[in-house]
Amino acid sequence: MSMIHPTIETLRRLRLLGMAKALEEQQSLPDCDRLSFDERLAMLVDREAVERDNAALAQRLRLARRRQAACLEDIDYRTPRGLDRSLIHTLAGGAAGCTSTTTF
């Protein structure tokens, strides 16, 4: 284990945290010695990819939950989306202008 510790620290320093975790877990598995180098390397790389994909998904979910302040004046009616300006203003109930409490 002492020879692998610098490698784990280097992986962490390089921000390859998934690979570092997987390597630590491999060291604790008794049957891991039976796997070939290619198989163990593939496991490390797969773990890193999964960790990064999970982190990216978590970040996208955090950003998706944020509410944005929007106001009627920000609507772009030039883009062909079938928006009717008078209908939007009617539905808004005569909300006049952009206020800090108006969010959509």
N, C-alpha and C. Protein backbone atom coordinates (compact mmCIF):
# COMPACT_ATOMS: atom_id res chain seq x y z
N MET A 1 0.82 -1.20 0.00
CA MET A 1 0.00 0.00 0.00
C MET A 1 0.86 1.26 0.00
N SER A 2 2.04 1.18 0.59
CA SER A 2 2.88 2.37 0.68
C SER A 2 3.37 2.84 -0.69
N MET A 3 3.55 1.92 -1.63
CA MET A 3 3.98 2.33 -2.97
C MET A 3 2.84 2.99 -3.74
N ILE A 4 1.63 2.66 -3.43
CA ILE A 4 0.49 3.19 -4.17
C ILE A 4 0.05 4.55 -3.64
N HIS A 5 0.40 4.87 -2.39
CA HIS A 5 -0.03 6.13 -1.77
C HIS A 5 0.40 7.37 -2.58
N PRO A 6 1.65 7.47 -3.04
CA PRO A 6 2.02 8.64 -3.86
C PRO A 6 1.21 8.73 -5.15
N THR A 7 0.87 7.60 -5.72
CA THR A 7 0.07 7.59 -6.95
C THR A 7 -1.33 8.14 -6.67
N ILE A 8 -1.91 7.73 -5.55
CA ILE A 8 -3.24 8.22 -5.17
C ILE A 8 -3.19 9.72 -4.92
N GLU A 9 -2.16 10.19 -4.25
CA GLU A 9 -2.02 11.62 -4.00
C GLU A 9 -1.84 12.40 -5.31
N THR A 10 -1.10 11.84 -6.25
CA THR A 10 -0.91 12.49 -7.55
C THR A 10 -2.24 12.54 -8.31
N LEU A 11 -3.01 11.48 -8.26
CA LEU A 11 -4.32 11.48 -8.91
C LEU A 11 -5.21 12.57 -8.31
N ARG A 12 -5.17 12.72 -7.01
CA ARG A 12 -5.96 13.77 -6.36
C ARG A 12 -5.49 15.16 -6.76
N ARG A 13 -4.17 15.32 -6.80
CA ARG A 13 -3.61 16.62 -7.18
C ARG A 13 -4.00 16.97 -8.62
N LEU A 14 -4.10 15.98 -9.46
CA LEU A 14 -4.50 16.19 -10.86
C LEU A 14 -6.02 16.28 -11.01
N ARG A 15 -6.71 16.23 -9.88
CA ARG A 15 -8.17 16.28 -9.83
C ARG A 15 -8.83 15.11 -10.57
N LEU A 16 -8.20 13.96 -10.45
CA LEU A 16 -8.76 12.71 -10.96
C LEU A 16 -9.30 11.94 -9.76
N LEU A 17 -10.28 12.55 -9.11
CA LEU A 17 -10.77 12.02 -7.83
C LEU A 17 -11.46 10.67 -7.99
N GLY A 18 -12.15 10.47 -9.09
CA GLY A 18 -12.80 9.18 -9.33
C GLY A 18 -11.78 8.06 -9.46
N MET A 19 -10.70 8.33 -10.15
CA MET A 19 -9.66 7.32 -10.30
C MET A 19 -8.99 7.04 -8.95
N ALA A 20 -8.77 8.09 -8.18
CA ALA A 20 -8.15 7.91 -6.86
C ALA A 20 -9.03 7.06 -5.96
N LYS A 21 -10.33 7.33 -5.93
CA LYS A 21 -11.25 6.53 -5.12
C LYS A 21 -11.27 5.08 -5.58
N ALA A 22 -11.33 4.89 -6.91
CA ALA A 22 -11.38 3.54 -7.45
C ALA A 22 -10.11 2.77 -7.13
N LEU A 23 -8.96 3.43 -7.20
CA LEU A 23 -7.70 2.76 -6.90
C LEU A 23 -7.63 2.36 -5.43
N GLU A 24 -8.11 3.24 -4.56
CA GLU A 24 -8.16 2.89 -3.13
C GLU A 24 -9.08 1.69 -2.90
N GLU A 25 -10.21 1.68 -3.57
CA GLU A 25 -11.14 0.56 -3.43
C GLU A 25 -10.53 -0.72 -3.99
N GLN A 26 -9.81 -0.63 -5.11
CA GLN A 26 -9.17 -1.81 -5.68
C GLN A 26 -8.16 -2.41 -4.71
N GLN A 27 -7.47 -1.55 -3.98
CA GLN A 27 -6.47 -2.04 -3.04
C GLN A 27 -7.09 -2.85 -1.91
N SER A 28 -8.35 -2.55 -1.59
CA SER A 28 -8.99 -3.27 -0.49
C SER A 28 -9.70 -4.54 -0.96
N LEU A 29 -9.79 -4.77 -2.25
CA LEU A 29 -10.45 -5.97 -2.77
C LEU A 29 -9.44 -7.10 -2.92
N PRO A 30 -9.72 -8.27 -2.34
CA PRO A 30 -8.76 -9.37 -2.42
C PRO A 30 -8.66 -9.97 -3.83
N ASP A 31 -9.73 -9.97 -4.59
CA ASP A 31 -9.73 -10.59 -5.92
C ASP A 31 -9.21 -9.66 -7.01
N CYS A 32 -8.88 -8.46 -6.66
CA CYS A 32 -8.44 -7.49 -7.66
C CYS A 32 -7.11 -7.88 -8.31
N ASP A 33 -6.29 -8.64 -7.59
CA ASP A 33 -5.00 -9.07 -8.14
C ASP A 33 -5.17 -10.01 -9.31
N ARG A 34 -6.30 -10.64 -9.43
CA ARG A 34 -6.55 -11.57 -10.53
C ARG A 34 -6.84 -10.86 -11.85
N LEU A 35 -7.21 -9.59 -11.76
CA LEU A 35 -7.51 -8.84 -12.97
C LEU A 35 -6.23 -8.42 -13.67
N SER A 36 -6.31 -8.32 -14.99
CA SER A 36 -5.15 -7.87 -15.76
C SER A 36 -4.99 -6.35 -15.59
N PHE A 37 -3.84 -5.86 -16.00
CA PHE A 37 -3.58 -4.42 -15.94
C PHE A 37 -4.64 -3.66 -16.74
N ASP A 38 -4.94 -4.16 -17.94
CA ASP A 38 -5.93 -3.50 -18.79
C ASP A 38 -7.30 -3.44 -18.13
N GLU A 39 -7.69 -4.51 -17.47
CA GLU A 39 -8.99 -4.53 -16.80
C GLU A 39 -9.03 -3.54 -15.64
N ARG A 40 -7.96 -3.50 -14.87
CA ARG A 40 -7.91 -2.57 -13.74
C ARG A 40 -7.87 -1.12 -14.22
N LEU A 41 -7.10 -0.87 -15.26
CA LEU A 41 -7.04 0.48 -15.82
C LEU A 41 -8.41 0.90 -16.36
N ALA A 42 -9.09 -0.02 -17.03
CA ALA A 42 -10.42 0.27 -17.55
C ALA A 42 -11.39 0.61 -16.42
N MET A 43 -11.27 -0.09 -15.30
CA MET A 43 -12.13 0.19 -14.15
C MET A 43 -11.86 1.60 -13.61
N LEU A 44 -10.59 1.98 -13.56
CA LEU A 44 -10.23 3.31 -13.06
C LEU A 44 -10.76 4.40 -13.99
N VAL A 45 -10.57 4.21 -15.27
CA VAL A 45 -11.02 5.21 -16.24
C VAL A 45 -12.55 5.30 -16.25
N ASP A 46 -13.22 4.16 -16.19
CA ASP A 46 -14.69 4.16 -16.15
C ASP A 46 -15.19 4.90 -14.92
N ARG A 47 -14.56 4.68 -13.79
CA ARG A 47 -14.98 5.34 -12.55
C ARG A 47 -14.82 6.84 -12.67
N GLU A 48 -13.71 7.28 -13.25
CA GLU A 48 -13.48 8.71 -13.42
C GLU A 48 -14.54 9.31 -14.34
N ALA A 49 -14.86 8.62 -15.42
CA ALA A 49 -15.88 9.11 -16.34
C ALA A 49 -17.24 9.21 -15.66
N VAL A 50 -17.60 8.21 -14.87
CA VAL A 50 -18.88 8.22 -14.16
C VAL A 50 -18.92 9.36 -13.15
N GLU A 51 -17.83 9.55 -12.41
CA GLU A 51 -17.78 10.64 -11.43
C GLU A 51 -17.95 12.00 -12.10
N ARG A 52 -17.29 12.18 -13.23
CA ARG A 52 -17.40 13.46 -13.94
C ARG A 52 -18.80 13.66 -14.51
N ASP A 53 -19.37 12.60 -15.09
CA ASP A 53 -20.73 12.69 -15.62
C ASP A 53 -21.72 13.03 -14.50
N ASN A 54 -21.56 12.39 -13.35
CA ASN A 54 -22.44 12.67 -12.21
C ASN A 54 -22.29 14.11 -11.72
N ALA A 55 -21.07 14.59 -11.67
CA ALA A 55 -20.84 15.97 -11.23
C ALA A 55 -21.44 16.96 -12.22
N ALA A 56 -21.30 16.69 -13.51
CA ALA A 56 -21.87 17.58 -14.52
C ALA A 56 -23.40 17.58 -14.43
N LEU A 57 -23.99 16.42 -14.23
CA LEU A 57 -25.44 16.33 -14.10
C LEU A 57 -25.92 17.07 -12.86
N ALA A 58 -25.22 16.91 -11.75
CA ALA A 58 -25.59 17.60 -10.53
C ALA A 58 -25.51 19.12 -10.72
N GLN A 59 -24.51 19.57 -11.42
CA GLN A 59 -24.35 21.01 -11.68
C GLN A 59 -25.50 21.51 -12.55
N ARG A 60 -25.84 20.77 -13.59
CA ARG A 60 -26.96 21.17 -14.45
C ARG A 60 -28.27 21.21 -13.68
N LEU A 61 -28.48 20.24 -12.79
CA LEU A 61 -29.70 20.23 -11.98
C LEU A 61 -29.75 21.41 -11.02
N ARG A 62 -28.60 21.76 -10.42
CA ARG A 62 -28.56 22.92 -9.54
C ARG A 62 -28.90 24.20 -10.31
N LEU A 63 -28.35 24.33 -11.50
CA LEU A 63 -28.60 25.53 -12.29
C LEU A 63 -30.05 25.57 -12.78
N ALA A 64 -30.62 24.43 -13.07
CA ALA A 64 -32.00 24.38 -13.57
C ALA A 64 -32.99 24.78 -12.49
N ARG A 65 -32.66 24.60 -11.25
CA ARG A 65 -33.58 24.92 -10.16
C ARG A 65 -33.58 26.40 -9.79
N ARG A 66 -32.62 27.12 -10.27
CA ARG A 66 -32.56 28.54 -9.95
C ARG A 66 -33.66 29.28 -10.69
N ARG A 67 -34.31 30.14 -9.98
CA ARG A 67 -35.35 30.96 -10.60
C ARG A 67 -34.69 32.21 -11.15
N GLN A 68 -35.11 32.60 -12.31
CA GLN A 68 -34.58 33.81 -12.89
C GLN A 68 -35.62 34.91 -12.80
N ALA A 69 -35.17 36.08 -12.50
CA ALA A 69 -36.06 37.22 -12.53
C ALA A 69 -36.27 37.59 -14.00
N ALA A 70 -37.52 37.71 -14.39
CA ALA A 70 -37.83 38.05 -15.77
C ALA A 70 -38.96 39.07 -15.76
N CYS A 71 -38.99 39.88 -16.79
CA CYS A 71 -40.07 40.84 -16.90
C CYS A 71 -40.60 40.83 -18.32
N LEU A 72 -41.79 41.35 -18.45
CA LEU A 72 -42.47 41.31 -19.75
C LEU A 72 -41.67 42.02 -20.84
N GLU A 73 -40.94 43.06 -20.45
CA GLU A 73 -40.16 43.81 -21.44
C GLU A 73 -39.01 42.97 -22.02
N ASP A 74 -38.65 41.89 -21.33
CA ASP A 74 -37.55 41.04 -21.82
C ASP A 74 -37.99 40.04 -22.88
N ILE A 75 -39.28 39.90 -23.09
CA ILE A 75 -39.77 38.92 -24.08
C ILE A 75 -39.42 39.41 -25.47
N ASP A 76 -38.82 38.55 -26.26
CA ASP A 76 -38.46 38.86 -27.64
C ASP A 76 -39.57 38.36 -28.56
N TYR A 77 -40.38 39.27 -29.01
CA TYR A 77 -41.50 38.89 -29.88
C TYR A 77 -41.07 38.72 -31.33
N ARG A 78 -39.85 39.12 -31.66
CA ARG A 78 -39.36 38.98 -33.04
C ARG A 78 -39.07 37.53 -33.40
N THR A 79 -38.72 36.73 -32.39
CA THR A 79 -38.45 35.32 -32.63
C THR A 79 -39.77 34.62 -32.94
N PRO A 80 -39.85 33.86 -34.03
CA PRO A 80 -41.13 33.23 -34.41
C PRO A 80 -41.50 32.07 -33.49
N ARG A 81 -42.23 32.39 -32.42
CA ARG A 81 -42.69 31.38 -31.47
C ARG A 81 -44.19 31.40 -31.32
N GLY A 82 -44.85 32.24 -32.07
CA GLY A 82 -46.30 32.31 -32.00
C GLY A 82 -46.81 33.03 -30.76
N LEU A 83 -46.02 33.93 -30.21
CA LEU A 83 -46.45 34.68 -29.03
C LEU A 83 -47.28 35.88 -29.45
N ASP A 84 -48.38 36.08 -28.78
CA ASP A 84 -49.25 37.22 -29.03
C ASP A 84 -49.02 38.24 -27.92
N ARG A 85 -48.46 39.37 -28.29
CA ARG A 85 -48.10 40.40 -27.32
C ARG A 85 -49.30 40.83 -26.48
N SER A 86 -50.44 41.08 -27.10
CA SER A 86 -51.61 41.54 -26.35
C SER A 86 -52.12 40.46 -25.40
N LEU A 87 -52.07 39.20 -25.82
CA LEU A 87 -52.50 38.10 -24.97
C LEU A 87 -51.57 37.96 -23.75
N ILE A 88 -50.28 38.08 -23.98
CA ILE A 88 -49.31 37.99 -22.89
C ILE A 88 -49.58 39.08 -21.86
N HIS A 89 -49.80 40.30 -22.33
CA HIS A 89 -50.04 41.41 -21.40
C HIS A 89 -51.38 41.26 -20.69
N THR A 90 -52.38 40.70 -21.38
CA THR A 90 -53.67 40.44 -20.74
C THR A 90 -53.51 39.39 -19.64
N LEU A 91 -52.78 38.32 -19.95
CA LEU A 91 -52.56 37.26 -18.96
C LEU A 91 -51.75 37.76 -17.77
N ALA A 92 -50.88 38.70 -18.01
CA ALA A 92 -50.06 39.25 -16.94
C ALA A 92 -50.90 40.13 -16.02
N GLY A 93 -52.11 40.41 -16.41
CA GLY A 93 -53.01 41.18 -15.55
C GLY A 93 -52.63 42.63 -15.43
N GLY A 94 -52.06 43.17 -16.49
CA GLY A 94 -51.73 44.57 -16.48
C GLY A 94 -50.50 44.90 -15.66
N ALA A 95 -49.67 43.90 -15.41
CA ALA A 95 -48.43 44.15 -14.67
C ALA A 95 -47.61 45.16 -15.43
N ALA A 96 -47.29 46.23 -14.79
CA ALA A 96 -46.60 47.31 -15.47
C ALA A 96 -45.11 47.25 -15.16
N GLY A 97 -44.36 46.92 -16.16
CA GLY A 97 -42.91 47.01 -16.05
C GLY A 97 -42.27 45.87 -15.29
N CYS A 98 -41.01 46.04 -15.11
CA CYS A 98 -40.17 45.04 -14.48
C CYS A 98 -40.02 45.40 -13.01
N THR A 99 -40.43 44.48 -12.13
CA THR A 99 -40.25 44.71 -10.69
C THR A 99 -39.39 43.61 -10.14
N SER A 100 -38.87 43.83 -8.98
CA SER A 100 -37.99 42.83 -8.37
C SER A 100 -38.75 41.58 -7.91
N THR A 101 -40.08 41.70 -7.77
CA THR A 101 -40.85 40.54 -7.31
C THR A 101 -41.49 39.77 -8.46
N THR A 102 -41.41 40.30 -9.67
CA THR A 102 -42.01 39.61 -10.81
C THR A 102 -41.05 38.56 -11.33
N THR A 103 -41.42 37.28 -11.16
CA THR A 103 -40.61 36.19 -11.69
C THR A 103 -41.49 35.23 -12.44
N PHE A 104 -40.97 34.68 -13.48
CA PHE A 104 -41.70 33.71 -14.29
C PHE A 104 -40.97 32.40 -14.28
